[in-house]
Amino acid sequence: MVATNRKAYRDYHIIKTFEAGIVLLGNEVKSLRQRKVGMKDAYAKVVNGEVWLYNLHISPYEKECIHTDPERPRKLLLHKSEIKRLYGMVSEKGYTLIPLKIYFNERGVAKVELAVAKGKKQYEKKEELKRRIMEREMKEEGW
């Protein structure tokens, strides 16, 4: 596991997840292996039949002399049928594509777990926080 989007489960209802490959340059892979990545405001879009990941910050590898833009759009690799399914789900109002985590699989290939998500309202976040506090108190009391 390289990086996780910790705020995703707090801010969104996760509907469905997909695994996608990511097109990276050599120095970006080295930075990922050092875990120098930020997923704070990252999101994905379907553009012209391709899925692109925006606002994913991968810090430049310090030993590399040629630096690339840390927040450049990165292409995600998915099957055409998955892209069509994603486009159909995201075209509905209120749904978006967000990355949940970035990791290397067994073969050493960088992967991104994408989620189709719907944003939570402020009152839903507050209710969930209250529910968690109640559950924690009940556990402490021995229920």
N, C-alpha and C. Protein backbone atom coordinates (compact mmCIF):
# COMPACT_ATOMS: atom_id res chain seq x y z
N MET A 1 0.84 -1.18 0.00
CA MET A 1 0.00 0.00 0.00
C MET A 1 0.89 1.24 0.00
N VAL A 2 0.69 2.11 -0.96
CA VAL A 2 1.48 3.32 -1.06
C VAL A 2 0.77 4.49 -0.40
N ALA A 3 -0.50 4.71 -0.77
CA ALA A 3 -1.24 5.85 -0.21
C ALA A 3 -2.73 5.52 -0.18
N THR A 4 -3.42 6.10 0.79
CA THR A 4 -4.87 5.94 0.88
C THR A 4 -5.51 7.32 1.01
N ASN A 5 -6.74 7.41 0.51
CA ASN A 5 -7.52 8.63 0.61
C ASN A 5 -8.38 8.50 1.87
N ARG A 6 -7.87 9.01 2.99
CA ARG A 6 -8.53 8.80 4.28
C ARG A 6 -9.86 9.53 4.40
N LYS A 7 -10.01 10.63 3.70
CA LYS A 7 -11.25 11.40 3.82
C LYS A 7 -12.35 10.89 2.91
N ALA A 8 -12.05 9.95 2.03
CA ALA A 8 -13.04 9.49 1.06
C ALA A 8 -14.25 8.86 1.73
N TYR A 9 -14.03 8.00 2.71
CA TYR A 9 -15.15 7.31 3.36
C TYR A 9 -15.94 8.26 4.26
N ARG A 10 -15.30 9.34 4.71
CA ARG A 10 -16.01 10.32 5.54
C ARG A 10 -16.87 11.25 4.69
N ASP A 11 -16.37 11.62 3.52
CA ASP A 11 -17.05 12.62 2.71
C ASP A 11 -17.96 12.06 1.63
N TYR A 12 -17.86 10.76 1.33
CA TYR A 12 -18.62 10.18 0.23
C TYR A 12 -19.26 8.85 0.62
N HIS A 13 -20.38 8.55 -0.06
CA HIS A 13 -20.96 7.21 -0.04
C HIS A 13 -20.32 6.47 -1.20
N ILE A 14 -19.62 5.37 -0.91
CA ILE A 14 -18.93 4.61 -1.96
C ILE A 14 -19.95 3.65 -2.57
N ILE A 15 -20.16 3.75 -3.89
CA ILE A 15 -21.14 2.92 -4.59
C ILE A 15 -20.49 1.67 -5.16
N LYS A 16 -19.43 1.84 -5.93
CA LYS A 16 -18.76 0.72 -6.58
C LYS A 16 -17.29 1.06 -6.75
N THR A 17 -16.41 0.03 -6.68
CA THR A 17 -14.98 0.26 -6.85
C THR A 17 -14.46 -0.46 -8.08
N PHE A 18 -13.41 0.10 -8.66
CA PHE A 18 -12.74 -0.46 -9.83
C PHE A 18 -11.23 -0.40 -9.60
N GLU A 19 -10.51 -1.35 -10.19
CA GLU A 19 -9.05 -1.33 -10.15
C GLU A 19 -8.55 -0.88 -11.52
N ALA A 20 -7.63 0.09 -11.53
CA ALA A 20 -7.12 0.62 -12.80
C ALA A 20 -5.61 0.74 -12.72
N GLY A 21 -4.96 0.52 -13.86
CA GLY A 21 -3.53 0.79 -13.97
C GLY A 21 -3.34 2.28 -14.16
N ILE A 22 -2.13 2.76 -13.93
CA ILE A 22 -1.85 4.18 -14.06
C ILE A 22 -0.58 4.36 -14.89
N VAL A 23 -0.61 5.31 -15.82
CA VAL A 23 0.54 5.58 -16.67
C VAL A 23 1.43 6.58 -15.95
N LEU A 24 2.66 6.14 -15.63
CA LEU A 24 3.61 6.98 -14.89
C LEU A 24 4.94 7.05 -15.61
N LEU A 25 5.72 8.08 -15.30
CA LEU A 25 7.09 8.18 -15.78
C LEU A 25 8.01 7.50 -14.76
N GLY A 26 9.25 7.24 -15.14
CA GLY A 26 10.18 6.52 -14.27
C GLY A 26 10.42 7.18 -12.94
N ASN A 27 10.63 8.51 -12.95
CA ASN A 27 10.89 9.19 -11.68
C ASN A 27 9.65 9.22 -10.79
N GLU A 28 8.45 9.18 -11.39
CA GLU A 28 7.22 9.14 -10.58
C GLU A 28 7.08 7.80 -9.87
N VAL A 29 7.49 6.73 -10.53
CA VAL A 29 7.45 5.40 -9.91
C VAL A 29 8.39 5.37 -8.71
N LYS A 30 9.56 5.96 -8.86
CA LYS A 30 10.52 6.00 -7.76
C LYS A 30 9.96 6.79 -6.57
N SER A 31 9.29 7.90 -6.88
CA SER A 31 8.68 8.69 -5.81
C SER A 31 7.55 7.93 -5.13
N LEU A 32 6.76 7.18 -5.92
CA LEU A 32 5.69 6.36 -5.34
C LEU A 32 6.25 5.32 -4.39
N ARG A 33 7.36 4.70 -4.79
CA ARG A 33 7.97 3.68 -3.92
C ARG A 33 8.45 4.29 -2.61
N GLN A 34 8.78 5.58 -2.62
CA GLN A 34 9.17 6.28 -1.39
C GLN A 34 7.96 6.87 -0.67
N ARG A 35 6.76 6.62 -1.19
CA ARG A 35 5.49 7.07 -0.60
C ARG A 35 5.37 8.60 -0.56
N LYS A 36 5.87 9.28 -1.57
CA LYS A 36 5.77 10.74 -1.64
C LYS A 36 4.62 11.12 -2.56
N VAL A 37 3.42 10.87 -2.09
CA VAL A 37 2.23 11.12 -2.89
C VAL A 37 1.14 11.71 -2.00
N GLY A 38 0.36 12.63 -2.58
CA GLY A 38 -0.75 13.24 -1.86
C GLY A 38 -2.03 13.09 -2.66
N MET A 39 -3.08 12.58 -2.01
CA MET A 39 -4.35 12.32 -2.69
C MET A 39 -5.46 13.23 -2.19
N LYS A 40 -5.13 14.33 -1.59
CA LYS A 40 -6.11 15.16 -0.88
C LYS A 40 -7.31 15.55 -1.76
N ASP A 41 -7.07 16.18 -2.88
CA ASP A 41 -8.18 16.65 -3.72
C ASP A 41 -8.23 15.93 -5.06
N ALA A 42 -7.73 14.72 -5.12
CA ALA A 42 -7.66 13.99 -6.39
C ALA A 42 -9.05 13.51 -6.82
N TYR A 43 -9.27 13.53 -8.13
CA TYR A 43 -10.51 13.02 -8.70
C TYR A 43 -10.21 12.54 -10.12
N ALA A 44 -11.14 11.78 -10.70
CA ALA A 44 -10.96 11.27 -12.06
C ALA A 44 -12.13 11.70 -12.92
N LYS A 45 -11.89 11.78 -14.23
CA LYS A 45 -12.91 12.16 -15.20
C LYS A 45 -12.80 11.26 -16.42
N VAL A 46 -13.93 11.02 -17.07
CA VAL A 46 -13.94 10.32 -18.35
C VAL A 46 -13.95 11.40 -19.44
N VAL A 47 -12.88 11.43 -20.25
CA VAL A 47 -12.73 12.43 -21.31
C VAL A 47 -12.41 11.71 -22.61
N ASN A 48 -13.29 11.85 -23.61
CA ASN A 48 -13.11 11.24 -24.93
C ASN A 48 -12.83 9.74 -24.86
N GLY A 49 -13.55 9.03 -24.03
CA GLY A 49 -13.40 7.58 -23.94
C GLY A 49 -12.18 7.14 -23.16
N GLU A 50 -11.51 8.04 -22.46
CA GLU A 50 -10.36 7.72 -21.62
C GLU A 50 -10.61 8.26 -20.22
N VAL A 51 -10.02 7.61 -19.24
CA VAL A 51 -10.17 8.06 -17.85
C VAL A 51 -8.87 8.74 -17.44
N TRP A 52 -8.97 9.96 -16.93
CA TRP A 52 -7.82 10.75 -16.50
C TRP A 52 -7.94 11.08 -15.02
N LEU A 53 -6.81 11.03 -14.32
CA LEU A 53 -6.74 11.32 -12.89
C LEU A 53 -6.13 12.72 -12.71
N TYR A 54 -6.83 13.59 -12.00
CA TYR A 54 -6.41 14.97 -11.80
C TYR A 54 -6.08 15.22 -10.33
N ASN A 55 -5.20 16.20 -10.10
CA ASN A 55 -4.83 16.69 -8.77
C ASN A 55 -4.18 15.64 -7.88
N LEU A 56 -3.61 14.59 -8.45
CA LEU A 56 -2.83 13.64 -7.67
C LEU A 56 -1.41 14.19 -7.62
N HIS A 57 -0.94 14.51 -6.43
CA HIS A 57 0.37 15.14 -6.27
C HIS A 57 1.42 14.06 -5.99
N ILE A 58 2.34 13.87 -6.95
CA ILE A 58 3.48 12.98 -6.76
C ILE A 58 4.72 13.86 -6.74
N SER A 59 5.37 13.95 -5.59
CA SER A 59 6.54 14.81 -5.44
C SER A 59 7.67 14.35 -6.36
N PRO A 60 8.44 15.29 -6.89
CA PRO A 60 9.55 14.91 -7.78
C PRO A 60 10.60 14.10 -7.03
N TYR A 61 11.19 13.15 -7.72
CA TYR A 61 12.27 12.34 -7.16
C TYR A 61 13.51 13.22 -7.05
N GLU A 62 14.08 13.32 -5.84
CA GLU A 62 15.13 14.31 -5.61
C GLU A 62 16.43 14.01 -6.35
N LYS A 63 16.72 12.76 -6.70
CA LYS A 63 17.98 12.43 -7.37
C LYS A 63 17.87 12.54 -8.90
N GLU A 64 16.70 12.91 -9.39
CA GLU A 64 16.47 13.03 -10.83
C GLU A 64 16.74 14.47 -11.25
N CYS A 65 17.42 14.64 -12.39
CA CYS A 65 17.74 16.00 -12.84
C CYS A 65 16.59 16.62 -13.65
N ILE A 66 15.74 15.80 -14.27
CA ILE A 66 14.61 16.32 -15.04
C ILE A 66 13.35 16.13 -14.21
N HIS A 67 12.73 17.23 -13.81
CA HIS A 67 11.52 17.16 -12.99
C HIS A 67 10.29 17.41 -13.85
N THR A 68 9.22 16.67 -13.57
CA THR A 68 7.95 16.87 -14.26
C THR A 68 6.99 17.59 -13.33
N ASP A 69 5.89 18.03 -13.87
CA ASP A 69 4.86 18.70 -13.08
C ASP A 69 4.27 17.71 -12.09
N PRO A 70 4.32 18.00 -10.79
CA PRO A 70 3.83 17.02 -9.79
C PRO A 70 2.33 16.76 -9.87
N GLU A 71 1.53 17.68 -10.41
CA GLU A 71 0.08 17.50 -10.45
C GLU A 71 -0.45 17.37 -11.88
N ARG A 72 0.37 16.86 -12.79
CA ARG A 72 -0.08 16.71 -14.18
C ARG A 72 -1.18 15.65 -14.25
N PRO A 73 -2.09 15.75 -15.22
CA PRO A 73 -3.11 14.70 -15.38
C PRO A 73 -2.45 13.39 -15.80
N ARG A 74 -2.92 12.29 -15.20
CA ARG A 74 -2.37 10.97 -15.50
C ARG A 74 -3.46 10.07 -16.04
N LYS A 75 -3.12 9.35 -17.09
CA LYS A 75 -4.08 8.47 -17.74
C LYS A 75 -4.23 7.18 -16.93
N LEU A 76 -5.48 6.72 -16.80
CA LEU A 76 -5.75 5.46 -16.13
C LEU A 76 -6.10 4.40 -17.17
N LEU A 77 -5.68 3.18 -16.92
CA LEU A 77 -5.86 2.09 -17.87
C LEU A 77 -6.98 1.19 -17.41
N LEU A 78 -8.06 1.17 -18.20
CA LEU A 78 -9.23 0.34 -17.92
C LEU A 78 -9.71 -0.29 -19.23
N HIS A 79 -10.48 -1.36 -19.13
CA HIS A 79 -11.09 -1.94 -20.31
C HIS A 79 -12.19 -1.00 -20.82
N LYS A 80 -12.46 -1.07 -22.11
CA LYS A 80 -13.45 -0.19 -22.74
C LYS A 80 -14.84 -0.37 -22.11
N SER A 81 -15.19 -1.62 -21.79
CA SER A 81 -16.50 -1.87 -21.17
C SER A 81 -16.58 -1.23 -19.78
N GLU A 82 -15.47 -1.25 -19.03
CA GLU A 82 -15.45 -0.62 -17.71
C GLU A 82 -15.57 0.90 -17.84
N ILE A 83 -14.91 1.46 -18.86
CA ILE A 83 -14.99 2.91 -19.07
C ILE A 83 -16.42 3.32 -19.40
N LYS A 84 -17.10 2.52 -20.23
CA LYS A 84 -18.50 2.82 -20.57
C LYS A 84 -19.38 2.75 -19.33
N ARG A 85 -19.15 1.75 -18.49
CA ARG A 85 -19.94 1.60 -17.26
C ARG A 85 -19.68 2.79 -16.33
N LEU A 86 -18.41 3.19 -16.21
CA LEU A 86 -18.07 4.34 -15.37
C LEU A 86 -18.74 5.61 -15.90
N TYR A 87 -18.68 5.81 -17.21
CA TYR A 87 -19.27 7.00 -17.79
C TYR A 87 -20.78 7.04 -17.54
N GLY A 88 -21.43 5.89 -17.65
CA GLY A 88 -22.87 5.82 -17.39
C GLY A 88 -23.21 6.15 -15.95
N MET A 89 -22.38 5.69 -15.02
CA MET A 89 -22.65 5.95 -13.60
C MET A 89 -22.35 7.40 -13.24
N VAL A 90 -21.27 7.95 -13.76
CA VAL A 90 -20.84 9.30 -13.38
C VAL A 90 -21.68 10.37 -14.07
N SER A 91 -22.30 10.04 -15.19
CA SER A 91 -23.11 11.03 -15.89
C SER A 91 -24.38 11.39 -15.11
N GLU A 92 -24.78 10.54 -14.16
CA GLU A 92 -25.92 10.88 -13.30
C GLU A 92 -25.51 12.01 -12.35
N LYS A 93 -26.47 12.82 -11.97
CA LYS A 93 -26.17 13.98 -11.13
C LYS A 93 -25.71 13.55 -9.73
N GLY A 94 -24.64 14.16 -9.27
CA GLY A 94 -24.17 13.94 -7.91
C GLY A 94 -23.11 12.87 -7.77
N TYR A 95 -22.82 12.11 -8.82
CA TYR A 95 -21.83 11.04 -8.72
C TYR A 95 -20.49 11.51 -9.27
N THR A 96 -19.41 11.03 -8.67
CA THR A 96 -18.08 11.41 -9.07
C THR A 96 -17.13 10.22 -8.95
N LEU A 97 -15.97 10.32 -9.57
CA LEU A 97 -14.93 9.29 -9.49
C LEU A 97 -13.82 9.80 -8.58
N ILE A 98 -13.50 9.04 -7.54
CA ILE A 98 -12.42 9.43 -6.65
C ILE A 98 -11.48 8.24 -6.46
N PRO A 99 -10.18 8.50 -6.30
CA PRO A 99 -9.25 7.41 -6.00
C PRO A 99 -9.28 7.10 -4.50
N LEU A 100 -9.33 5.82 -4.17
CA LEU A 100 -9.33 5.41 -2.76
C LEU A 100 -7.93 5.07 -2.28
N LYS A 101 -7.17 4.34 -3.10
CA LYS A 101 -5.81 3.99 -2.70
C LYS A 101 -4.94 3.73 -3.92
N ILE A 102 -3.64 3.84 -3.71
CA ILE A 102 -2.64 3.53 -4.72
C ILE A 102 -1.74 2.47 -4.13
N TYR A 103 -1.43 1.45 -4.91
CA TYR A 103 -0.61 0.35 -4.42
C TYR A 103 0.12 -0.31 -5.58
N PHE A 104 1.10 -1.15 -5.24
CA PHE A 104 1.80 -1.96 -6.23
C PHE A 104 1.29 -3.40 -6.08
N ASN A 105 0.95 -4.04 -7.21
CA ASN A 105 0.48 -5.42 -7.14
C ASN A 105 1.67 -6.37 -7.04
N GLU A 106 1.41 -7.68 -7.12
CA GLU A 106 2.45 -8.69 -6.93
C GLU A 106 3.56 -8.56 -7.97
N ARG A 107 3.22 -8.12 -9.17
CA ARG A 107 4.21 -8.00 -10.25
C ARG A 107 4.94 -6.66 -10.23
N GLY A 108 4.62 -5.80 -9.27
CA GLY A 108 5.29 -4.51 -9.15
C GLY A 108 4.69 -3.42 -10.02
N VAL A 109 3.44 -3.60 -10.47
CA VAL A 109 2.78 -2.62 -11.31
C VAL A 109 1.93 -1.70 -10.43
N ALA A 110 2.02 -0.40 -10.68
CA ALA A 110 1.25 0.58 -9.89
C ALA A 110 -0.22 0.50 -10.27
N LYS A 111 -1.10 0.42 -9.29
CA LYS A 111 -2.55 0.35 -9.49
C LYS A 111 -3.24 1.41 -8.64
N VAL A 112 -4.41 1.84 -9.12
CA VAL A 112 -5.24 2.80 -8.40
C VAL A 112 -6.61 2.15 -8.21
N GLU A 113 -7.14 2.23 -6.99
CA GLU A 113 -8.50 1.77 -6.75
C GLU A 113 -9.41 2.98 -6.84
N LEU A 114 -10.25 2.98 -7.88
CA LEU A 114 -11.20 4.08 -8.13
C LEU A 114 -12.55 3.72 -7.55
N ALA A 115 -13.28 4.72 -7.13
CA ALA A 115 -14.62 4.49 -6.61
C ALA A 115 -15.60 5.45 -7.25
N VAL A 116 -16.77 4.94 -7.60
CA VAL A 116 -17.88 5.80 -7.98
C VAL A 116 -18.55 6.17 -6.66
N ALA A 117 -18.63 7.46 -6.39
CA ALA A 117 -19.10 7.91 -5.08
C ALA A 117 -20.09 9.06 -5.23
N LYS A 118 -20.90 9.18 -4.18
CA LYS A 118 -21.86 10.29 -4.11
C LYS A 118 -21.54 11.05 -2.83
N GLY A 119 -21.44 12.37 -2.93
CA GLY A 119 -21.07 13.20 -1.78
C GLY A 119 -22.10 13.16 -0.67
N LYS A 120 -21.61 13.16 0.57
CA LYS A 120 -22.49 13.20 1.73
C LYS A 120 -22.83 14.64 2.07
N LYS A 121 -24.00 14.84 2.62
CA LYS A 121 -24.42 16.16 3.11
C LYS A 121 -23.79 16.38 4.48
N GLN A 122 -23.76 17.62 4.92
CA GLN A 122 -23.15 17.96 6.20
C GLN A 122 -23.86 17.26 7.37
N TYR A 123 -25.19 17.19 7.31
CA TYR A 123 -25.92 16.56 8.41
C TYR A 123 -25.69 15.05 8.45
N GLU A 124 -25.43 14.43 7.30
CA GLU A 124 -25.13 13.00 7.28
C GLU A 124 -23.79 12.71 7.95
N LYS A 125 -22.82 13.60 7.74
CA LYS A 125 -21.51 13.43 8.38
C LYS A 125 -21.64 13.55 9.90
N LYS A 126 -22.47 14.53 10.36
CA LYS A 126 -22.65 14.72 11.80
C LYS A 126 -23.35 13.53 12.44
N GLU A 127 -24.38 12.99 11.75
CA GLU A 127 -25.09 11.83 12.28
C GLU A 127 -24.17 10.62 12.39
N GLU A 128 -23.32 10.42 11.40
CA GLU A 128 -22.39 9.29 11.43
C GLU A 128 -21.40 9.44 12.58
N LEU A 129 -20.92 10.66 12.83
CA LEU A 129 -20.00 10.91 13.92
C LEU A 129 -20.67 10.61 15.27
N LYS A 130 -21.94 11.03 15.43
CA LYS A 130 -22.67 10.75 16.67
C LYS A 130 -22.86 9.24 16.87
N ARG A 131 -23.18 8.54 15.79
CA ARG A 131 -23.38 7.09 15.86
C ARG A 131 -22.10 6.38 16.30
N ARG A 132 -20.96 6.81 15.76
CA ARG A 132 -19.68 6.20 16.13
C ARG A 132 -19.36 6.44 17.61
N ILE A 133 -19.63 7.64 18.07
CA ILE A 133 -19.38 7.96 19.48
C ILE A 133 -20.25 7.10 20.38
N MET A 134 -21.52 6.94 20.02
CA MET A 134 -22.43 6.09 20.81
C MET A 134 -21.95 4.64 20.84
N GLU A 135 -21.53 4.12 19.69
CA GLU A 135 -21.04 2.74 19.64
C GLU A 135 -19.79 2.56 20.50
N ARG A 136 -18.89 3.54 20.46
CA ARG A 136 -17.67 3.47 21.25
C ARG A 136 -18.00 3.48 22.74
N GLU A 137 -18.95 4.33 23.17
CA GLU A 137 -19.34 4.39 24.58
C GLU A 137 -20.00 3.09 25.02
N MET A 138 -20.80 2.48 24.15
CA MET A 138 -21.45 1.21 24.49
C MET A 138 -20.41 0.10 24.64
N LYS A 139 -19.37 0.10 23.83
CA LYS A 139 -18.31 -0.90 23.94
C LYS A 139 -17.58 -0.75 25.24
N GLU A 140 -17.29 0.51 25.64
CA GLU A 140 -16.58 0.76 26.88
C GLU A 140 -17.40 0.32 28.09
N GLU A 141 -18.74 0.44 28.02
CA GLU A 141 -19.60 0.04 29.13
C GLU A 141 -19.80 -1.46 29.19
N GLY A 142 -19.45 -2.16 28.11
CA GLY A 142 -19.55 -3.61 28.12
C GLY A 142 -20.79 -4.17 27.44
N TRP A 143 -21.45 -3.41 26.62
CA TRP A 143 -22.65 -3.89 25.92
C TRP A 143 -22.28 -4.83 24.86
